[in-house]
């Protein structure tokens, strides 16, 4: 099991809507971060609502979710589908301040992030996921409600 890592706070600057669109489109270089996935820094003016996603969430959007106290659980899309299902079910059970999404940049398996904190896993450890969520959910610099609103994988066979 990986160790929790803490990173220096890169601040909470917001990009403009235009710059955000350009970064997502790849026509503007993204801000530089001090971790993969990022745990703080310049970010989009909007966030990803809490829930389960089947597409990767851009870094600049992830950070705004972290700022609101969400815990992001991201996995390499090549991991065991049973582990993906377990993570998605964890998010549904918790019901708030959690986002589960694939991320091809996550190596080797699963990475959890909160504001300035990251935990890497080489195998799924649901007890460690729960511990991280309990420690960091709703603990971002802005405490904003983040109810479970998105479930892109509901009803899909895995």
C-alpha atoms as a PDB file:
ATOM      1  CA  UNK A   1       0.000   0.000   0.000  1.00  0.00           C
ATOM      2  CA  UNK A   2       1.263   3.435  -0.856  1.00  0.00           C
ATOM      3  CA  UNK A   3       1.927   6.190   1.599  1.00  0.00           C
ATOM      4  CA  UNK A   4      -0.079   9.378   1.761  1.00  0.00           C
ATOM      5  CA  UNK A   5       1.899  12.216   0.240  1.00  0.00           C
ATOM      6  CA  UNK A   6       1.338  15.878   1.007  1.00  0.00           C
ATOM      7  CA  UNK A   7       2.203  18.526  -1.576  1.00  0.00           C
ATOM      8  CA  UNK A   8       2.722  22.288  -1.228  1.00  0.00           C
ATOM      9  CA  UNK A   9      -0.455  24.283  -1.821  1.00  0.00           C
ATOM     10  CA  UNK A  10      -0.196  25.885  -5.287  1.00  0.00           C
ATOM     11  CA  UNK A  11      -3.038  28.274  -4.584  1.00  0.00           C
ATOM     12  CA  UNK A  12      -6.569  28.626  -5.824  1.00  0.00           C
ATOM     13  CA  UNK A  13      -6.433  30.879  -8.874  1.00  0.00           C
ATOM     14  CA  UNK A  14      -9.256  30.477 -11.391  1.00  0.00           C
ATOM     15  CA  UNK A  15      -8.775  30.414 -15.155  1.00  0.00           C
ATOM     16  CA  UNK A  16     -11.192  32.358 -17.344  1.00  0.00           C
ATOM     17  CA  UNK A  17     -13.869  30.436 -19.238  1.00  0.00           C
ATOM     18  CA  UNK A  18     -11.941  31.113 -22.455  1.00  0.00           C
ATOM     19  CA  UNK A  19      -8.609  29.858 -21.081  1.00  0.00           C
ATOM     20  CA  UNK A  20     -10.315  26.815 -19.573  1.00  0.00           C
ATOM     21  CA  UNK A  21     -11.830  25.924 -22.961  1.00  0.00           C
ATOM     22  CA  UNK A  22      -8.437  26.388 -24.629  1.00  0.00           C
ATOM     23  CA  UNK A  23      -6.662  24.149 -22.091  1.00  0.00           C
ATOM     24  CA  UNK A  24      -9.312  21.422 -22.491  1.00  0.00           C
ATOM     25  CA  UNK A  25      -9.053  21.737 -26.295  1.00  0.00           C
ATOM     26  CA  UNK A  26      -5.264  21.509 -26.128  1.00  0.00           C
ATOM     27  CA  UNK A  27      -4.641  24.917 -27.718  1.00  0.00           C
ATOM     28  CA  UNK A  28      -3.301  26.456 -24.473  1.00  0.00           C
ATOM     29  CA  UNK A  29      -0.700  24.816 -22.254  1.00  0.00           C
ATOM     30  CA  UNK A  30      -2.192  23.692 -18.937  1.00  0.00           C
ATOM     31  CA  UNK A  31      -0.939  25.164 -15.665  1.00  0.00           C
ATOM     32  CA  UNK A  32       2.015  23.361 -14.083  1.00  0.00           C
ATOM     33  CA  UNK A  33       1.229  21.174 -11.084  1.00  0.00           C
ATOM     34  CA  UNK A  34       3.358  19.395  -8.508  1.00  0.00           C
ATOM     35  CA  UNK A  35       1.639  15.997  -8.612  1.00  0.00           C
ATOM     36  CA  UNK A  36      -0.178  13.618 -10.951  1.00  0.00           C
ATOM     37  CA  UNK A  37      -3.100  13.939 -10.631  1.00  0.00           C
ATOM     38  CA  UNK A  38      -2.861  17.492  -9.276  1.00  0.00           C
ATOM     39  CA  UNK A  39      -3.874  18.318  -5.698  1.00  0.00           C
ATOM     40  CA  UNK A  40      -4.041  22.141  -5.859  1.00  0.00           C
ATOM     41  CA  UNK A  41      -3.372  25.052  -8.164  1.00  0.00           C
ATOM     42  CA  UNK A  42      -4.895  27.117 -10.946  1.00  0.00           C
ATOM     43  CA  UNK A  43      -8.178  25.634 -12.102  1.00  0.00           C
ATOM     44  CA  UNK A  44     -11.385  25.952 -14.084  1.00  0.00           C
ATOM     45  CA  UNK A  45     -14.189  28.243 -12.885  1.00  0.00           C
ATOM     46  CA  UNK A  46     -16.470  25.159 -12.723  1.00  0.00           C
ATOM     47  CA  UNK A  47     -16.133  21.755 -11.073  1.00  0.00           C
ATOM     48  CA  UNK A  48     -17.197  18.153 -11.657  1.00  0.00           C
ATOM     49  CA  UNK A  49     -20.334  17.355  -9.659  1.00  0.00           C
ATOM     50  CA  UNK A  50     -19.769  14.451  -7.282  1.00  0.00           C
ATOM     51  CA  UNK A  51     -20.521  10.962  -8.553  1.00  0.00           C
ATOM     52  CA  UNK A  52     -19.300   8.289 -10.962  1.00  0.00           C
ATOM     53  CA  UNK A  53     -17.827   9.068 -14.386  1.00  0.00           C
ATOM     54  CA  UNK A  54     -16.861   6.843 -17.306  1.00  0.00           C
ATOM     55  CA  UNK A  55     -14.640   9.492 -18.967  1.00  0.00           C
ATOM     56  CA  UNK A  56     -11.529  11.137 -17.513  1.00  0.00           C
ATOM     57  CA  UNK A  57     -12.043  14.549 -15.896  1.00  0.00           C
ATOM     58  CA  UNK A  58      -9.594  17.285 -17.007  1.00  0.00           C
ATOM     59  CA  UNK A  59      -7.027  18.206 -14.325  1.00  0.00           C
ATOM     60  CA  UNK A  60      -8.153  21.825 -14.273  1.00  0.00           C
ATOM     61  CA  UNK A  61     -11.706  20.709 -13.423  1.00  0.00           C
ATOM     62  CA  UNK A  62     -10.582  18.137 -10.838  1.00  0.00           C
ATOM     63  CA  UNK A  63      -8.827  20.811  -8.793  1.00  0.00           C
ATOM     64  CA  UNK A  64     -11.995  22.876  -8.376  1.00  0.00           C
ATOM     65  CA  UNK A  65     -13.744  19.741  -7.070  1.00  0.00           C
ATOM     66  CA  UNK A  66     -10.895  19.210  -4.589  1.00  0.00           C
ATOM     67  CA  UNK A  67     -11.171  22.853  -3.514  1.00  0.00           C
ATOM     68  CA  UNK A  68     -14.819  22.119  -2.608  1.00  0.00           C
ATOM     69  CA  UNK A  69     -13.796  19.199  -0.402  1.00  0.00           C
ATOM     70  CA  UNK A  70     -14.352  16.323  -2.824  1.00  0.00           C
ATOM     71  CA  UNK A  71     -12.155  13.241  -2.669  1.00  0.00           C
ATOM     72  CA  UNK A  72     -11.268  12.065  -6.166  1.00  0.00           C
ATOM     73  CA  UNK A  73     -10.725   8.364  -6.737  1.00  0.00           C
ATOM     74  CA  UNK A  74      -9.138   7.837 -10.131  1.00  0.00           C
ATOM     75  CA  UNK A  75      -8.079   4.562 -11.658  1.00  0.00           C
ATOM     76  CA  UNK A  76      -6.125   3.378 -14.647  1.00  0.00           C
ATOM     77  CA  UNK A  77      -8.750   2.230 -17.189  1.00  0.00           C
ATOM     78  CA  UNK A  78      -6.907  -1.107 -17.535  1.00  0.00           C
ATOM     79  CA  UNK A  79      -7.565  -2.252 -13.950  1.00  0.00           C
ATOM     80  CA  UNK A  80      -9.806  -5.185 -13.033  1.00  0.00           C
ATOM     81  CA  UNK A  81     -13.442  -4.310 -13.855  1.00  0.00           C
ATOM     82  CA  UNK A  82     -14.486  -5.786 -10.485  1.00  0.00           C
ATOM     83  CA  UNK A  83     -12.316  -3.159  -8.750  1.00  0.00           C
ATOM     84  CA  UNK A  84     -13.915  -0.391 -10.837  1.00  0.00           C
ATOM     85  CA  UNK A  85     -17.352  -1.653  -9.785  1.00  0.00           C
ATOM     86  CA  UNK A  86     -16.259  -1.729  -6.129  1.00  0.00           C
ATOM     87  CA  UNK A  87     -15.053   1.895  -6.331  1.00  0.00           C
ATOM     88  CA  UNK A  88     -18.273   2.990  -8.017  1.00  0.00           C
ATOM     89  CA  UNK A  89     -20.328   1.232  -5.335  1.00  0.00           C
ATOM     90  CA  UNK A  90     -18.213   2.915  -2.634  1.00  0.00           C
ATOM     91  CA  UNK A  91     -19.101   6.316  -4.129  1.00  0.00           C
ATOM     92  CA  UNK A  92     -22.801   5.460  -4.287  1.00  0.00           C
ATOM     93  CA  UNK A  93     -22.758   4.336  -0.638  1.00  0.00           C
ATOM     94  CA  UNK A  94     -20.951   7.459   0.598  1.00  0.00           C
ATOM     95  CA  UNK A  95     -23.266   9.677  -1.399  1.00  0.00           C
ATOM     96  CA  UNK A  96     -21.307  12.946  -1.098  1.00  0.00           C
ATOM     97  CA  UNK A  97     -17.873  14.517  -1.524  1.00  0.00           C
ATOM     98  CA  UNK A  98     -16.580  11.734  -3.764  1.00  0.00           C
ATOM     99  CA  UNK A  99     -15.797  11.485  -7.486  1.00  0.00           C
ATOM    100  CA  UNK A 100     -14.792   8.220  -9.184  1.00  0.00           C
ATOM    101  CA  UNK A 101     -13.369   8.407 -12.706  1.00  0.00           C
ATOM    102  CA  UNK A 102     -10.888   6.733 -15.024  1.00  0.00           C
ATOM    103  CA  UNK A 103      -7.616   8.520 -15.711  1.00  0.00           C
ATOM    104  CA  UNK A 104      -5.038   7.075 -18.134  1.00  0.00           C
ATOM    105  CA  UNK A 105      -2.308   9.120 -16.378  1.00  0.00           C
ATOM    106  CA  UNK A 106      -2.819   7.118 -13.174  1.00  0.00           C
ATOM    107  CA  UNK A 107      -0.071   4.547 -12.799  1.00  0.00           C
ATOM    108  CA  UNK A 108      -0.002   1.848 -11.629  1.00  0.00           C
ATOM    109  CA  UNK A 109      -3.576   1.296 -10.452  1.00  0.00           C
ATOM    110  CA  UNK A 110      -5.577   3.737  -8.295  1.00  0.00           C
ATOM    111  CA  UNK A 111      -4.815   7.245  -6.971  1.00  0.00           C
ATOM    112  CA  UNK A 112      -6.897   9.129  -4.418  1.00  0.00           C
ATOM    113  CA  UNK A 113      -6.565  12.897  -4.167  1.00  0.00           C
ATOM    114  CA  UNK A 114      -7.836  15.580  -1.824  1.00  0.00           C
ATOM    115  CA  UNK A 115      -6.639  19.185  -1.425  1.00  0.00           C
ATOM    116  CA  UNK A 116      -2.783  18.918  -1.251  1.00  0.00           C
ATOM    117  CA  UNK A 117      -2.866  15.154  -0.476  1.00  0.00           C
ATOM    118  CA  UNK A 118      -2.474  12.055  -2.641  1.00  0.00           C
ATOM    119  CA  UNK A 119      -2.531   8.309  -1.991  1.00  0.00           C
ATOM    120  CA  UNK A 120      -1.372   5.801  -4.609  1.00  0.00           C
ATOM    121  CA  UNK A 121      -2.504   2.189  -4.549  1.00  0.00           C
ATOM    122  CA  UNK A 122      -1.055  -0.714  -6.508  1.00  0.00           C
ATOM    123  CA  UNK A 123      -4.035  -2.888  -5.509  1.00  0.00           C
ATOM    124  CA  UNK A 124      -7.508  -1.957  -4.315  1.00  0.00           C
ATOM    125  CA  UNK A 125      -7.715  -1.582  -0.535  1.00  0.00           C
ATOM    126  CA  UNK A 126     -11.259  -0.475   0.318  1.00  0.00           C
ATOM    127  CA  UNK A 127     -10.357   0.070   3.988  1.00  0.00           C
ATOM    128  CA  UNK A 128      -7.656   2.548   2.923  1.00  0.00           C
ATOM    129  CA  UNK A 129     -10.080   4.216   0.491  1.00  0.00           C
ATOM    130  CA  UNK A 130     -12.593   4.596   3.319  1.00  0.00           C
ATOM    131  CA  UNK A 131      -9.929   5.962   5.686  1.00  0.00           C
ATOM    132  CA  UNK A 132      -8.783   8.547   3.143  1.00  0.00           C
ATOM    133  CA  UNK A 133     -12.391   9.596   2.447  1.00  0.00           C
ATOM    134  CA  UNK A 134     -13.160   9.881   6.186  1.00  0.00           C
ATOM    135  CA  UNK A 135     -10.056  12.040   6.733  1.00  0.00           C
ATOM    136  CA  UNK A 136     -10.479  14.400   3.764  1.00  0.00           C
ATOM    137  CA  UNK A 137     -14.096  14.517   2.538  1.00  0.00           C
ATOM    138  CA  UNK A 138     -15.498  18.040   2.989  1.00  0.00           C
ATOM    139  CA  UNK A 139     -12.083  19.279   4.181  1.00  0.00           C
ATOM    140  CA  UNK A 140     -11.118  21.433   1.183  1.00  0.00           C
ATOM    141  CA  UNK A 141     -10.383  25.151   1.522  1.00  0.00           C
ATOM    142  CA  UNK A 142     -13.993  25.831   0.471  1.00  0.00           C
ATOM    143  CA  UNK A 143     -16.657  23.746   2.170  1.00  0.00           C
ATOM    144  CA  UNK A 144     -19.312  23.404  -0.498  1.00  0.00           C
ATOM    145  CA  UNK A 145     -22.032  20.731  -0.557  1.00  0.00           C
ATOM    146  CA  UNK A 146     -21.200  18.015  -3.077  1.00  0.00           C
ATOM    147  CA  UNK A 147     -24.087  15.560  -3.196  1.00  0.00           C
ATOM    148  CA  UNK A 148     -23.907  12.492  -5.437  1.00  0.00           C
ATOM    149  CA  UNK A 149     -25.370  13.863  -8.687  1.00  0.00           C
ATOM    150  CA  UNK A 150     -23.729  12.007 -11.587  1.00  0.00           C
ATOM    151  CA  UNK A 151     -23.831   8.269 -12.261  1.00  0.00           C
ATOM    152  CA  UNK A 152     -22.634   7.628 -15.793  1.00  0.00           C
ATOM    153  CA  UNK A 153     -22.063   3.915 -15.241  1.00  0.00           C
ATOM    154  CA  UNK A 154     -25.485   3.051 -13.784  1.00  0.00           C
ATOM    155  CA  UNK A 155     -27.053   0.249 -15.753  1.00  0.00           C
ATOM    156  CA  UNK A 156     -23.928  -0.445 -17.804  1.00  0.00           C
ATOM    157  CA  UNK A 157     -22.479  -3.923 -17.749  1.00  0.00           C
ATOM    158  CA  UNK A 158     -18.828  -4.064 -16.750  1.00  0.00           C
END
